[in-house]
Amino acid sequence: MRSVWMWVVALAVRPLMACEGTGAAGEPCSKDGCDVGLECLQDFPGGFCAQECTQEGAQAGCPADMLCARQSESLLCSPVCDSQDDCRDNYACNGVSGTDQKACRIQF
């Protein structure tokens, strides 16, 4: 019985290990690699777990260490950054309107 339980756990964890990120907002993703309620935008480099927001520069409605920033033509919760090293490839640490903070934003 114990080996069956370990097999079930291994099968449940395996898809999570295949993801590059955690599935949280702003993380890389594949088709179904985001947390519940988030959408994986596969047209963004490496995918982007998207959580929409309504006011550029606001942190309200976004997870900790994120703020609402324009990504392409949408307002999405985006990781706050201090320098380019804080962002993943193909994303730039740029200022966000309405605040003195920067966020990792897609580079086109």
PDB file of N, CA and C in Angstrom:
ATOM      1  N   MET A   1       0.823  -1.198   0.000  1.00  0.00           N
ATOM      2  CA  MET A   1       0.000   0.000   0.000  1.00  0.00           C
ATOM      3  C   MET A   1       0.867   1.262   0.000  1.00  0.00           C
ATOM      4  N   ARG A   2       1.960   1.229   0.751  1.00  0.00           N
ATOM      5  CA  ARG A   2       2.838   2.394   0.819  1.00  0.00           C
ATOM      6  C   ARG A   2       3.421   2.726  -0.551  1.00  0.00           C
ATOM      7  N   SER A   3       3.806   1.718  -1.314  1.00  0.00           N
ATOM      8  CA  SER A   3       4.383   1.977  -2.633  1.00  0.00           C
ATOM      9  C   SER A   3       3.346   2.567  -3.582  1.00  0.00           C
ATOM     10  N   VAL A   4       2.090   2.178  -3.439  1.00  0.00           N
ATOM     11  CA  VAL A   4       1.027   2.754  -4.268  1.00  0.00           C
ATOM     12  C   VAL A   4       0.876   4.235  -3.937  1.00  0.00           C
ATOM     13  N   TRP A   5       0.890   4.559  -2.663  1.00  0.00           N
ATOM     14  CA  TRP A   5       0.771   5.955  -2.237  1.00  0.00           C
ATOM     15  C   TRP A   5       1.927   6.795  -2.777  1.00  0.00           C
ATOM     16  N   MET A   6       3.144   6.266  -2.720  1.00  0.00           N
ATOM     17  CA  MET A   6       4.312   6.986  -3.227  1.00  0.00           C
ATOM     18  C   MET A   6       4.197   7.191  -4.741  1.00  0.00           C
ATOM     19  N   TRP A   7       3.666   6.217  -5.450  1.00  0.00           N
ATOM     20  CA  TRP A   7       3.463   6.320  -6.896  1.00  0.00           C
ATOM     21  C   TRP A   7       2.452   7.427  -7.212  1.00  0.00           C
ATOM     22  N   VAL A   8       1.374   7.497  -6.454  1.00  0.00           N
ATOM     23  CA  VAL A   8       0.358   8.527  -6.659  1.00  0.00           C
ATOM     24  C   VAL A   8       0.964   9.913  -6.416  1.00  0.00           C
ATOM     25  N   VAL A   9       1.726  10.075  -5.353  1.00  0.00           N
ATOM     26  CA  VAL A   9       2.364  11.350  -5.051  1.00  0.00           C
ATOM     27  C   VAL A   9       3.344  11.726  -6.154  1.00  0.00           C
ATOM     28  N   ALA A  10       4.133  10.778  -6.618  1.00  0.00           N
ATOM     29  CA  ALA A  10       5.102  11.047  -7.683  1.00  0.00           C
ATOM     30  C   ALA A  10       4.405  11.520  -8.957  1.00  0.00           C
ATOM     31  N   LEU A  11       3.290  10.898  -9.306  1.00  0.00           N
ATOM     32  CA  LEU A  11       2.553  11.314 -10.495  1.00  0.00           C
ATOM     33  C   LEU A  11       1.941  12.698 -10.333  1.00  0.00           C
ATOM     34  N   ALA A  12       1.541  13.032  -9.130  1.00  0.00           N
ATOM     35  CA  ALA A  12       0.951  14.347  -8.889  1.00  0.00           C
ATOM     36  C   ALA A  12       2.006  15.449  -8.928  1.00  0.00           C
ATOM     37  N   VAL A  13       3.210  15.159  -8.489  1.00  0.00           N
ATOM     38  CA  VAL A  13       4.265  16.161  -8.408  1.00  0.00           C
ATOM     39  C   VAL A  13       4.984  16.333  -9.740  1.00  0.00           C
ATOM     40  N   ARG A  14       5.045  15.310 -10.544  1.00  0.00           N
ATOM     41  CA  ARG A  14       5.802  15.362 -11.796  1.00  0.00           C
ATOM     42  C   ARG A  14       5.440  16.546 -12.695  1.00  0.00           C
ATOM     43  N   PRO A  15       4.160  16.825 -12.959  1.00  0.00           N
ATOM     44  CA  PRO A  15       3.861  17.985 -13.810  1.00  0.00           C
ATOM     45  C   PRO A  15       4.354  19.297 -13.216  1.00  0.00           C
ATOM     46  N   LEU A  16       4.369  19.408 -11.908  1.00  0.00           N
ATOM     47  CA  LEU A  16       4.851  20.628 -11.270  1.00  0.00           C
ATOM     48  C   LEU A  16       6.345  20.800 -11.468  1.00  0.00           C
ATOM     49  N   MET A  17       7.076  19.713 -11.507  1.00  0.00           N
ATOM     50  CA  MET A  17       8.517  19.776 -11.687  1.00  0.00           C
ATOM     51  C   MET A  17       8.880  20.181 -13.109  1.00  0.00           C
ATOM     52  N   ALA A  18       7.992  19.968 -14.060  1.00  0.00           N
ATOM     53  CA  ALA A  18       8.270  20.299 -15.454  1.00  0.00           C
ATOM     54  C   ALA A  18       8.204  21.799 -15.708  1.00  0.00           C
ATOM     55  N   CYS A  19       7.564  22.533 -14.840  1.00  0.00           N
ATOM     56  CA  CYS A  19       7.420  23.978 -15.025  1.00  0.00           C
ATOM     57  C   CYS A  19       8.702  24.684 -14.613  1.00  0.00           C
ATOM     58  N   GLU A  20       9.007  25.783 -15.278  1.00  0.00           N
ATOM     59  CA  GLU A  20      10.165  26.571 -14.919  1.00  0.00           C
ATOM     60  C   GLU A  20       9.895  27.395 -13.669  1.00  0.00           C
ATOM     61  N   GLY A  21       8.666  27.833 -13.477  1.00  0.00           N
ATOM     62  CA  GLY A  21       8.332  28.688 -12.350  1.00  0.00           C
ATOM     63  C   GLY A  21       7.392  27.981 -11.401  1.00  0.00           C
ATOM     64  N   THR A  22       6.750  28.785 -10.589  1.00  0.00           N
ATOM     65  CA  THR A  22       5.858  28.229  -9.583  1.00  0.00           C
ATOM     66  C   THR A  22       4.396  28.268 -10.024  1.00  0.00           C
ATOM     67  N   GLY A  23       4.111  28.960 -11.119  1.00  0.00           N
ATOM     68  CA  GLY A  23       2.738  29.107 -11.572  1.00  0.00           C
ATOM     69  C   GLY A  23       2.068  30.352 -11.025  1.00  0.00           C
ATOM     70  N   ALA A  24       2.827  31.150 -10.263  1.00  0.00           N
ATOM     71  CA  ALA A  24       2.300  32.388  -9.696  1.00  0.00           C
ATOM     72  C   ALA A  24       2.303  33.493 -10.751  1.00  0.00           C
ATOM     73  N   ALA A  25       1.612  34.570 -10.475  1.00  0.00           N
ATOM     74  CA  ALA A  25       1.549  35.710 -11.396  1.00  0.00           C
ATOM     75  C   ALA A  25       2.954  36.163 -11.767  1.00  0.00           C
ATOM     76  N   GLY A  26       3.161  36.386 -13.074  1.00  0.00           N
ATOM     77  CA  GLY A  26       4.439  36.855 -13.583  1.00  0.00           C
ATOM     78  C   GLY A  26       5.453  35.773 -13.874  1.00  0.00           C
ATOM     79  N   GLU A  27       5.172  34.544 -13.468  1.00  0.00           N
ATOM     80  CA  GLU A  27       6.097  33.439 -13.673  1.00  0.00           C
ATOM     81  C   GLU A  27       5.988  32.885 -15.092  1.00  0.00           C
ATOM     82  N   PRO A  28       7.056  32.213 -15.572  1.00  0.00           N
ATOM     83  CA  PRO A  28       6.976  31.542 -16.869  1.00  0.00           C
ATOM     84  C   PRO A  28       5.974  30.392 -16.789  1.00  0.00           C
ATOM     85  N   CYS A  29       5.431  30.014 -17.937  1.00  0.00           N
ATOM     86  CA  CYS A  29       4.434  28.949 -17.934  1.00  0.00           C
ATOM     87  C   CYS A  29       4.356  28.267 -19.292  1.00  0.00           C
ATOM     88  N   SER A  30       3.739  27.111 -19.283  1.00  0.00           N
ATOM     89  CA  SER A  30       3.350  26.426 -20.501  1.00  0.00           C
ATOM     90  C   SER A  30       1.828  26.372 -20.482  1.00  0.00           C
ATOM     91  N   LYS A  31       1.242  25.659 -21.368  1.00  0.00           N
ATOM     92  CA  LYS A  31      -0.219  25.690 -21.573  1.00  0.00           C
ATOM     93  C   LYS A  31      -1.042  25.764 -20.289  1.00  0.00           C
ATOM     94  N   ASP A  32      -0.837  24.868 -19.359  1.00  0.00           N
ATOM     95  CA  ASP A  32      -1.646  24.828 -18.139  1.00  0.00           C
ATOM     96  C   ASP A  32      -0.803  24.978 -16.879  1.00  0.00           C
ATOM     97  N   GLY A  33       0.277  25.753 -16.933  1.00  0.00           N
ATOM     98  CA  GLY A  33       1.210  25.807 -15.827  1.00  0.00           C
ATOM     99  C   GLY A  33       0.990  26.898 -14.801  1.00  0.00           C
ATOM    100  N   CYS A  34      -0.156  27.556 -14.791  1.00  0.00           N
ATOM    101  CA  CYS A  34      -0.386  28.665 -13.853  1.00  0.00           C
ATOM    102  C   CYS A  34      -1.316  28.256 -12.720  1.00  0.00           C
ATOM    103  N   ASP A  35      -1.214  29.004 -11.637  1.00  0.00           N
ATOM    104  CA  ASP A  35      -2.108  28.795 -10.501  1.00  0.00           C
ATOM    105  C   ASP A  35      -3.559  29.006 -10.930  1.00  0.00           C
ATOM    106  N   VAL A  36      -4.475  28.463 -10.157  1.00  0.00           N
ATOM    107  CA  VAL A  36      -5.898  28.609 -10.416  1.00  0.00           C
ATOM    108  C   VAL A  36      -6.263  30.089 -10.498  1.00  0.00           C
ATOM    109  N   GLY A  37      -7.032  30.451 -11.505  1.00  0.00           N
ATOM    110  CA  GLY A  37      -7.479  31.832 -11.677  1.00  0.00           C
ATOM    111  C   GLY A  37      -6.560  32.674 -12.541  1.00  0.00           C
ATOM    112  N   LEU A  38      -5.383  32.139 -12.911  1.00  0.00           N
ATOM    113  CA  LEU A  38      -4.449  32.860 -13.761  1.00  0.00           C
ATOM    114  C   LEU A  38      -4.447  32.230 -15.152  1.00  0.00           C
ATOM    115  N   GLU A  39      -4.105  33.041 -16.138  1.00  0.00           N
ATOM    116  CA  GLU A  39      -4.060  32.573 -17.516  1.00  0.00           C
ATOM    117  C   GLU A  39      -2.613  32.591 -18.000  1.00  0.00           C
ATOM    118  N   CYS A  40      -2.193  31.541 -18.693  1.00  0.00           N
ATOM    119  CA  CYS A  40      -0.854  31.498 -19.260  1.00  0.00           C
ATOM    120  C   CYS A  40      -0.883  32.173 -20.627  1.00  0.00           C
ATOM    121  N   LEU A  41      -0.212  33.308 -20.736  1.00  0.00           N
ATOM    122  CA  LEU A  41      -0.112  34.011 -22.015  1.00  0.00           C
ATOM    123  C   LEU A  41       1.101  33.457 -22.745  1.00  0.00           C
ATOM    124  N   GLN A  42       0.865  32.538 -23.659  1.00  0.00           N
ATOM    125  CA  GLN A  42       1.953  31.855 -24.340  1.00  0.00           C
ATOM    126  C   GLN A  42       2.591  32.690 -25.439  1.00  0.00           C
ATOM    127  N   ASP A  43       1.983  33.818 -25.807  1.00  0.00           N
ATOM    128  CA  ASP A  43       2.603  34.685 -26.802  1.00  0.00           C
ATOM    129  C   ASP A  43       3.666  35.585 -26.176  1.00  0.00           C
ATOM    130  N   PHE A  44       3.812  35.560 -24.852  1.00  0.00           N
ATOM    131  CA  PHE A  44       4.888  36.259 -24.156  1.00  0.00           C
ATOM    132  C   PHE A  44       6.093  35.316 -24.109  1.00  0.00           C
ATOM    133  N   PRO A  45       7.320  35.836 -24.174  1.00  0.00           N
ATOM    134  CA  PRO A  45       8.505  34.981 -24.117  1.00  0.00           C
ATOM    135  C   PRO A  45       8.520  34.111 -22.863  1.00  0.00           C
ATOM    136  N   GLY A  46       8.630  32.801 -23.044  1.00  0.00           N
ATOM    137  CA  GLY A  46       8.646  31.869 -21.922  1.00  0.00           C
ATOM    138  C   GLY A  46       7.302  31.685 -21.268  1.00  0.00           C
ATOM    139  N   GLY A  47       6.262  32.291 -21.821  1.00  0.00           N
ATOM    140  CA  GLY A  47       4.943  32.282 -21.204  1.00  0.00           C
ATOM    141  C   GLY A  47       4.912  33.248 -20.025  1.00  0.00           C
ATOM    142  N   PHE A  48       3.728  33.667 -19.636  1.00  0.00           N
ATOM    143  CA  PHE A  48       3.569  34.624 -18.544  1.00  0.00           C
ATOM    144  C   PHE A  48       2.262  34.323 -17.837  1.00  0.00           C
ATOM    145  N   CYS A  49       2.335  33.918 -16.577  1.00  0.00           N
ATOM    146  CA  CYS A  49       1.127  33.683 -15.784  1.00  0.00           C
ATOM    147  C   CYS A  49       0.497  35.045 -15.486  1.00  0.00           C
ATOM    148  N   ALA A  50      -0.642  35.298 -16.096  1.00  0.00           N
ATOM    149  CA  ALA A  50      -1.241  36.632 -16.072  1.00  0.00           C
ATOM    150  C   ALA A  50      -2.345  36.763 -15.041  1.00  0.00           C
ATOM    151  N   GLN A  51      -2.237  37.846 -14.276  1.00  0.00           N
ATOM    152  CA  GLN A  51      -3.298  38.273 -13.371  1.00  0.00           C
ATOM    153  C   GLN A  51      -3.612  39.712 -13.746  1.00  0.00           C
ATOM    154  N   GLU A  52      -4.818  39.938 -14.228  1.00  0.00           N
ATOM    155  CA  GLU A  52      -5.195  41.284 -14.663  1.00  0.00           C
ATOM    156  C   GLU A  52      -5.334  42.220 -13.467  1.00  0.00           C
ATOM    157  N   CYS A  53      -5.126  43.506 -13.738  1.00  0.00           N
ATOM    158  CA  CYS A  53      -5.303  44.544 -12.738  1.00  0.00           C
ATOM    159  C   CYS A  53      -5.915  45.756 -13.437  1.00  0.00           C
ATOM    160  N   THR A  54      -6.295  46.770 -12.692  1.00  0.00           N
ATOM    161  CA  THR A  54      -7.069  47.857 -13.295  1.00  0.00           C
ATOM    162  C   THR A  54      -6.430  49.231 -13.246  1.00  0.00           C
ATOM    163  N   GLN A  55      -5.430  49.461 -12.388  1.00  0.00           N
ATOM    164  CA  GLN A  55      -4.858  50.799 -12.261  1.00  0.00           C
ATOM    165  C   GLN A  55      -3.337  50.721 -12.353  1.00  0.00           C
ATOM    166  N   GLU A  56      -2.794  51.228 -13.451  1.00  0.00           N
ATOM    167  CA  GLU A  56      -1.349  51.195 -13.653  1.00  0.00           C
ATOM    168  C   GLU A  56      -0.633  51.899 -12.499  1.00  0.00           C
ATOM    169  N   GLY A  57       0.391  51.228 -11.982  1.00  0.00           N
ATOM    170  CA  GLY A  57       1.172  51.766 -10.879  1.00  0.00           C
ATOM    171  C   GLY A  57       0.679  51.363  -9.504  1.00  0.00           C
ATOM    172  N   ALA A  58      -0.512  50.785  -9.420  1.00  0.00           N
ATOM    173  CA  ALA A  58      -1.082  50.379  -8.129  1.00  0.00           C
ATOM    174  C   ALA A  58      -0.607  48.986  -7.732  1.00  0.00           C
ATOM    175  N   GLN A  59      -0.445  48.773  -6.439  1.00  0.00           N
ATOM    176  CA  GLN A  59      -0.124  47.438  -5.938  1.00  0.00           C
ATOM    177  C   GLN A  59      -1.388  46.716  -5.481  1.00  0.00           C
ATOM    178  N   ALA A  60      -2.440  47.450  -5.222  1.00  0.00           N
ATOM    179  CA  ALA A  60      -3.700  46.847  -4.783  1.00  0.00           C
ATOM    180  C   ALA A  60      -4.190  45.873  -5.852  1.00  0.00           C
ATOM    181  N   GLY A  61      -4.599  44.711  -5.405  1.00  0.00           N
ATOM    182  CA  GLY A  61      -5.104  43.699  -6.323  1.00  0.00           C
ATOM    183  C   GLY A  61      -4.030  42.792  -6.885  1.00  0.00           C
ATOM    184  N   CYS A  62      -2.766  43.076  -6.596  1.00  0.00           N
ATOM    185  CA  CYS A  62      -1.649  42.253  -7.058  1.00  0.00           C
ATOM    186  C   CYS A  62      -0.975  41.581  -5.861  1.00  0.00           C
ATOM    187  N   PRO A  63      -0.328  40.437  -6.094  1.00  0.00           N
ATOM    188  CA  PRO A  63       0.411  39.789  -5.010  1.00  0.00           C
ATOM    189  C   PRO A  63       1.555  40.672  -4.505  1.00  0.00           C
ATOM    190  N   ALA A  64       2.109  40.316  -3.362  1.00  0.00           N
ATOM    191  CA  ALA A  64       3.251  41.045  -2.794  1.00  0.00           C
ATOM    192  C   ALA A  64       4.389  41.090  -3.804  1.00  0.00           C
ATOM    193  N   ASP A  65       5.144  42.162  -3.800  1.00  0.00           N
ATOM    194  CA  ASP A  65       6.290  42.371  -4.689  1.00  0.00           C
ATOM    195  C   ASP A  65       5.901  42.456  -6.162  1.00  0.00           C
ATOM    196  N   MET A  66       4.653  42.849  -6.421  1.00  0.00           N
ATOM    197  CA  MET A  66       4.184  43.047  -7.789  1.00  0.00           C
ATOM    198  C   MET A  66       3.385  44.339  -7.835  1.00  0.00           C
ATOM    199  N   LEU A  67       3.304  44.916  -9.034  1.00  0.00           N
ATOM    200  CA  LEU A  67       2.439  46.073  -9.219  1.00  0.00           C
ATOM    201  C   LEU A  67       1.832  46.023 -10.607  1.00  0.00           C
ATOM    202  N   CYS A  68       0.795  46.785 -10.777  1.00  0.00           N
ATOM    203  CA  CYS A  68       0.050  46.800 -12.024  1.00  0.00           C
ATOM    204  C   CYS A  68       0.847  47.582 -13.071  1.00  0.00           C
ATOM    205  N   ALA A  69       1.191  46.914 -14.169  1.00  0.00           N
ATOM    206  CA  ALA A  69       1.986  47.552 -15.215  1.00  0.00           C
ATOM    207  C   ALA A  69       1.440  47.158 -16.584  1.00  0.00           C
ATOM    208  N   ARG A  70       1.678  48.021 -17.544  1.00  0.00           N
ATOM    209  CA  ARG A  70       1.253  47.743 -18.915  1.00  0.00           C
ATOM    210  C   ARG A  70       2.199  46.708 -19.506  1.00  0.00           C
ATOM    211  N   GLN A  71       1.620  45.604 -19.933  1.00  0.00           N
ATOM    212  CA  GLN A  71       2.337  44.536 -20.625  1.00  0.00           C
ATOM    213  C   GLN A  71       1.657  44.389 -21.976  1.00  0.00           C
ATOM    214  N   SER A  72       2.355  44.778 -23.037  1.00  0.00           N
ATOM    215  CA  SER A  72       1.763  44.777 -24.368  1.00  0.00           C
ATOM    216  C   SER A  72       0.571  45.730 -24.332  1.00  0.00           C
ATOM    217  N   GLU A  73      -0.639  45.233 -24.541  1.00  0.00           N
ATOM    218  CA  GLU A  73      -1.826  46.095 -24.539  1.00  0.00           C
ATOM    219  C   GLU A  73      -2.715  45.865 -23.325  1.00  0.00           C
ATOM    220  N   SER A  74      -2.183  45.166 -22.319  1.00  0.00           N
ATOM    221  CA  SER A  74      -2.974  44.824 -21.137  1.00  0.00           C
ATOM    222  C   SER A  74      -2.325  45.363 -19.871  1.00  0.00           C
ATOM    223  N   LEU A  75      -3.139  45.518 -18.834  1.00  0.00           N
ATOM    224  CA  LEU A  75      -2.629  45.832 -17.502  1.00  0.00           C
ATOM    225  C   LEU A  75      -2.554  44.522 -16.727  1.00  0.00           C
ATOM    226  N   LEU A  76      -1.337  44.152 -16.311  1.00  0.00           N
ATOM    227  CA  LEU A  76      -1.122  42.884 -15.622  1.00  0.00           C
ATOM    228  C   LEU A  76      -0.245  43.100 -14.396  1.00  0.00           C
ATOM    229  N   CYS A  77      -0.455  42.287 -13.366  1.00  0.00           N
ATOM    230  CA  CYS A  77       0.421  42.301 -12.204  1.00  0.00           C
ATOM    231  C   CYS A  77       1.797  41.832 -12.666  1.00  0.00           C
ATOM    232  N   SER A  78       2.815  42.647 -12.383  1.00  0.00           N
ATOM    233  CA  SER A  78       4.162  42.394 -12.884  1.00  0.00           C
ATOM    234  C   SER A  78       5.171  42.485 -11.741  1.00  0.00           C
ATOM    235  N   PRO A  79       6.243  41.674 -11.795  1.00  0.00           N
ATOM    236  CA  PRO A  79       7.240  41.683 -10.731  1.00  0.00           C
ATOM    237  C   PRO A  79       7.936  43.037 -10.603  1.00  0.00           C
ATOM    238  N   VAL A  80       8.050  43.529  -9.377  1.00  0.00           N
ATOM    239  CA  VAL A  80       8.794  44.753  -9.097  1.00  0.00           C
ATOM    240  C   VAL A  80      10.283  44.426  -9.242  1.00  0.00           C
ATOM    241  N   CYS A  81      11.059  45.376  -9.776  1.00  0.00           N
ATOM    242  CA  CYS A  81      12.496  45.158  -9.959  1.00  0.00           C
ATOM    243  C   CYS A  81      13.268  46.427  -9.604  1.00  0.00           C
ATOM    244  N   ASP A  82      14.546  46.238  -9.288  1.00  0.00           N
ATOM    245  CA  ASP A  82      15.455  47.357  -9.064  1.00  0.00           C
ATOM    246  C   ASP A  82      16.425  47.498 -10.220  1.00  0.00           C
ATOM    247  N   SER A  83      16.767  46.363 -10.847  1.00  0.00           N
ATOM    248  CA  SER A  83      17.714  46.364 -11.961  1.00  0.00           C
ATOM    249  C   SER A  83      17.346  45.249 -12.948  1.00  0.00           C
ATOM    250  N   GLN A  84      18.008  45.265 -14.081  1.00  0.00           N
ATOM    251  CA  GLN A  84      17.752  44.261 -15.108  1.00  0.00           C
ATOM    252  C   GLN A  84      17.999  42.841 -14.599  1.00  0.00           C
ATOM    253  N   ASP A  85      18.914  42.680 -13.661  1.00  0.00           N
ATOM    254  CA  ASP A  85      19.216  41.351 -13.114  1.00  0.00           C
ATOM    255  C   ASP A  85      18.027  40.733 -12.393  1.00  0.00           C
ATOM    256  N   ASP A  86      17.046  41.545 -12.002  1.00  0.00           N
ATOM    257  CA  ASP A  86      15.855  41.042 -11.309  1.00  0.00           C
ATOM    258  C   ASP A  86      14.825  40.441 -12.273  1.00  0.00           C
ATOM    259  N   CYS A  87      15.012  40.656 -13.563  1.00  0.00           N
ATOM    260  CA  CYS A  87      14.039  40.201 -14.566  1.00  0.00           C
ATOM    261  C   CYS A  87      14.581  39.010 -15.354  1.00  0.00           C
ATOM    262  N   ARG A  88      13.681  38.204 -15.850  1.00  0.00           N
ATOM    263  CA  ARG A  88      14.099  37.083 -16.675  1.00  0.00           C
ATOM    264  C   ARG A  88      14.371  37.543 -18.109  1.00  0.00           C
ATOM    265  N   ASP A  89      14.961  36.660 -18.906  1.00  0.00           N
ATOM    266  CA  ASP A  89      15.292  36.983 -20.295  1.00  0.00           C
ATOM    267  C   ASP A  89      14.064  37.490 -21.044  1.00  0.00           C
ATOM    268  N   ASN A  90      14.277  38.457 -21.922  1.00  0.00           N
ATOM    269  CA  ASN A  90      13.243  39.066 -22.763  1.00  0.00           C
ATOM    270  C   ASN A  90      12.274  39.969 -22.009  1.00  0.00           C
ATOM    271  N   TYR A  91      12.613  40.305 -20.771  1.00  0.00           N
ATOM    272  CA  TYR A  91      11.831  41.251 -19.984  1.00  0.00           C
ATOM    273  C   TYR A  91      12.788  42.330 -19.483  1.00  0.00           C
ATOM    274  N   ALA A  92      12.344  43.581 -19.483  1.00  0.00           N
ATOM    275  CA  ALA A  92      13.189  44.702 -19.080  1.00  0.00           C
ATOM    276  C   ALA A  92      12.656  45.361 -17.818  1.00  0.00           C
ATOM    277  N   CYS A  93      13.571  45.821 -16.975  1.00  0.00           N
ATOM    278  CA  CYS A  93      13.223  46.536 -15.751  1.00  0.00           C
ATOM    279  C   CYS A  93      13.004  47.997 -16.121  1.00  0.00           C
ATOM    280  N   ASN A  94      11.739  48.386 -16.258  1.00  0.00           N
ATOM    281  CA  ASN A  94      11.384  49.741 -16.698  1.00  0.00           C
ATOM    282  C   ASN A  94      10.437  50.401 -15.711  1.00  0.00           C
ATOM    283  N   GLY A  95      10.473  51.746 -15.699  1.00  0.00           N
ATOM    284  CA  GLY A  95       9.571  52.515 -14.850  1.00  0.00           C
ATOM    285  C   GLY A  95       8.115  52.283 -15.215  1.00  0.00           C
ATOM    286  N   VAL A  96       7.261  52.441 -14.230  1.00  0.00           N
ATOM    287  CA  VAL A  96       5.822  52.254 -14.408  1.00  0.00           C
ATOM    288  C   VAL A  96       5.120  53.576 -14.149  1.00  0.00           C
ATOM    289  N   SER A  97       4.254  53.983 -15.062  1.00  0.00           N
ATOM    290  CA  SER A  97       3.506  55.239 -14.926  1.00  0.00           C
ATOM    291  C   SER A  97       2.736  55.265 -13.616  1.00  0.00           C
ATOM    292  N   GLY A  98       2.722  56.428 -12.977  1.00  0.00           N
ATOM    293  CA  GLY A  98       1.954  56.611 -11.750  1.00  0.00           C
ATOM    294  C   GLY A  98       2.699  56.211 -10.495  1.00  0.00           C
ATOM    295  N   THR A  99       3.985  55.837 -10.625  1.00  0.00           N
ATOM    296  CA  THR A  99       4.761  55.425  -9.462  1.00  0.00           C
ATOM    297  C   THR A  99       6.243  55.688  -9.719  1.00  0.00           C
ATOM    298  N   ASP A 100       7.037  55.638  -8.658  1.00  0.00           N
ATOM    299  CA  ASP A 100       8.480  55.763  -8.828  1.00  0.00           C
ATOM    300  C   ASP A 100       9.153  54.390  -8.846  1.00  0.00           C
ATOM    301  N   GLN A 101       8.367  53.337  -8.967  1.00  0.00           N
ATOM    302  CA  GLN A 101       8.887  51.979  -8.992  1.00  0.00           C
ATOM    303  C   GLN A 101       9.047  51.474 -10.430  1.00  0.00           C
ATOM    304  N   LYS A 102       9.801  50.380 -10.547  1.00  0.00           N
ATOM    305  CA  LYS A 102      10.014  49.722 -11.826  1.00  0.00           C
ATOM    306  C   LYS A 102       9.431  48.320 -11.762  1.00  0.00           C
ATOM    307  N   ALA A 103       9.091  47.782 -12.942  1.00  0.00           N
ATOM    308  CA  ALA A 103       8.584  46.415 -13.038  1.00  0.00           C
ATOM    309  C   ALA A 103       9.193  45.739 -14.244  1.00  0.00           C
ATOM    310  N   CYS A 104       9.282  44.407 -14.180  1.00  0.00           N
ATOM    311  CA  CYS A 104       9.760  43.618 -15.309  1.00  0.00           C
ATOM    312  C   CYS A 104       8.659  43.593 -16.357  1.00  0.00           C
ATOM    313  N   ARG A 105       8.988  44.163 -17.528  1.00  0.00           N
ATOM    314  CA  ARG A 105       7.989  44.276 -18.590  1.00  0.00           C
ATOM    315  C   ARG A 105       8.540  43.644 -19.864  1.00  0.00           C
ATOM    316  N   ILE A 106       7.645  43.072 -20.639  1.00  0.00           N
ATOM    317  CA  ILE A 106       8.023  42.395 -21.864  1.00  0.00           C
ATOM    318  C   ILE A 106       8.747  43.337 -22.820  1.00  0.00           C
ATOM    319  N   GLN A 107       9.778  42.822 -23.482  1.00  0.00           N
ATOM    320  CA  GLN A 107      10.505  43.565 -24.498  1.00  0.00           C
ATOM    321  C   GLN A 107      10.013  43.087 -25.867  1.00  0.00           C
ATOM    322  N   PHE A 108       9.631  43.998 -26.720  1.00  0.00           N
ATOM    323  CA  PHE A 108       9.228  43.606 -28.074  1.00  0.00           C
ATOM    324  C   PHE A 108      10.255  44.073 -29.058  1.00  0.00           C
TER     325      PHE A 108
END
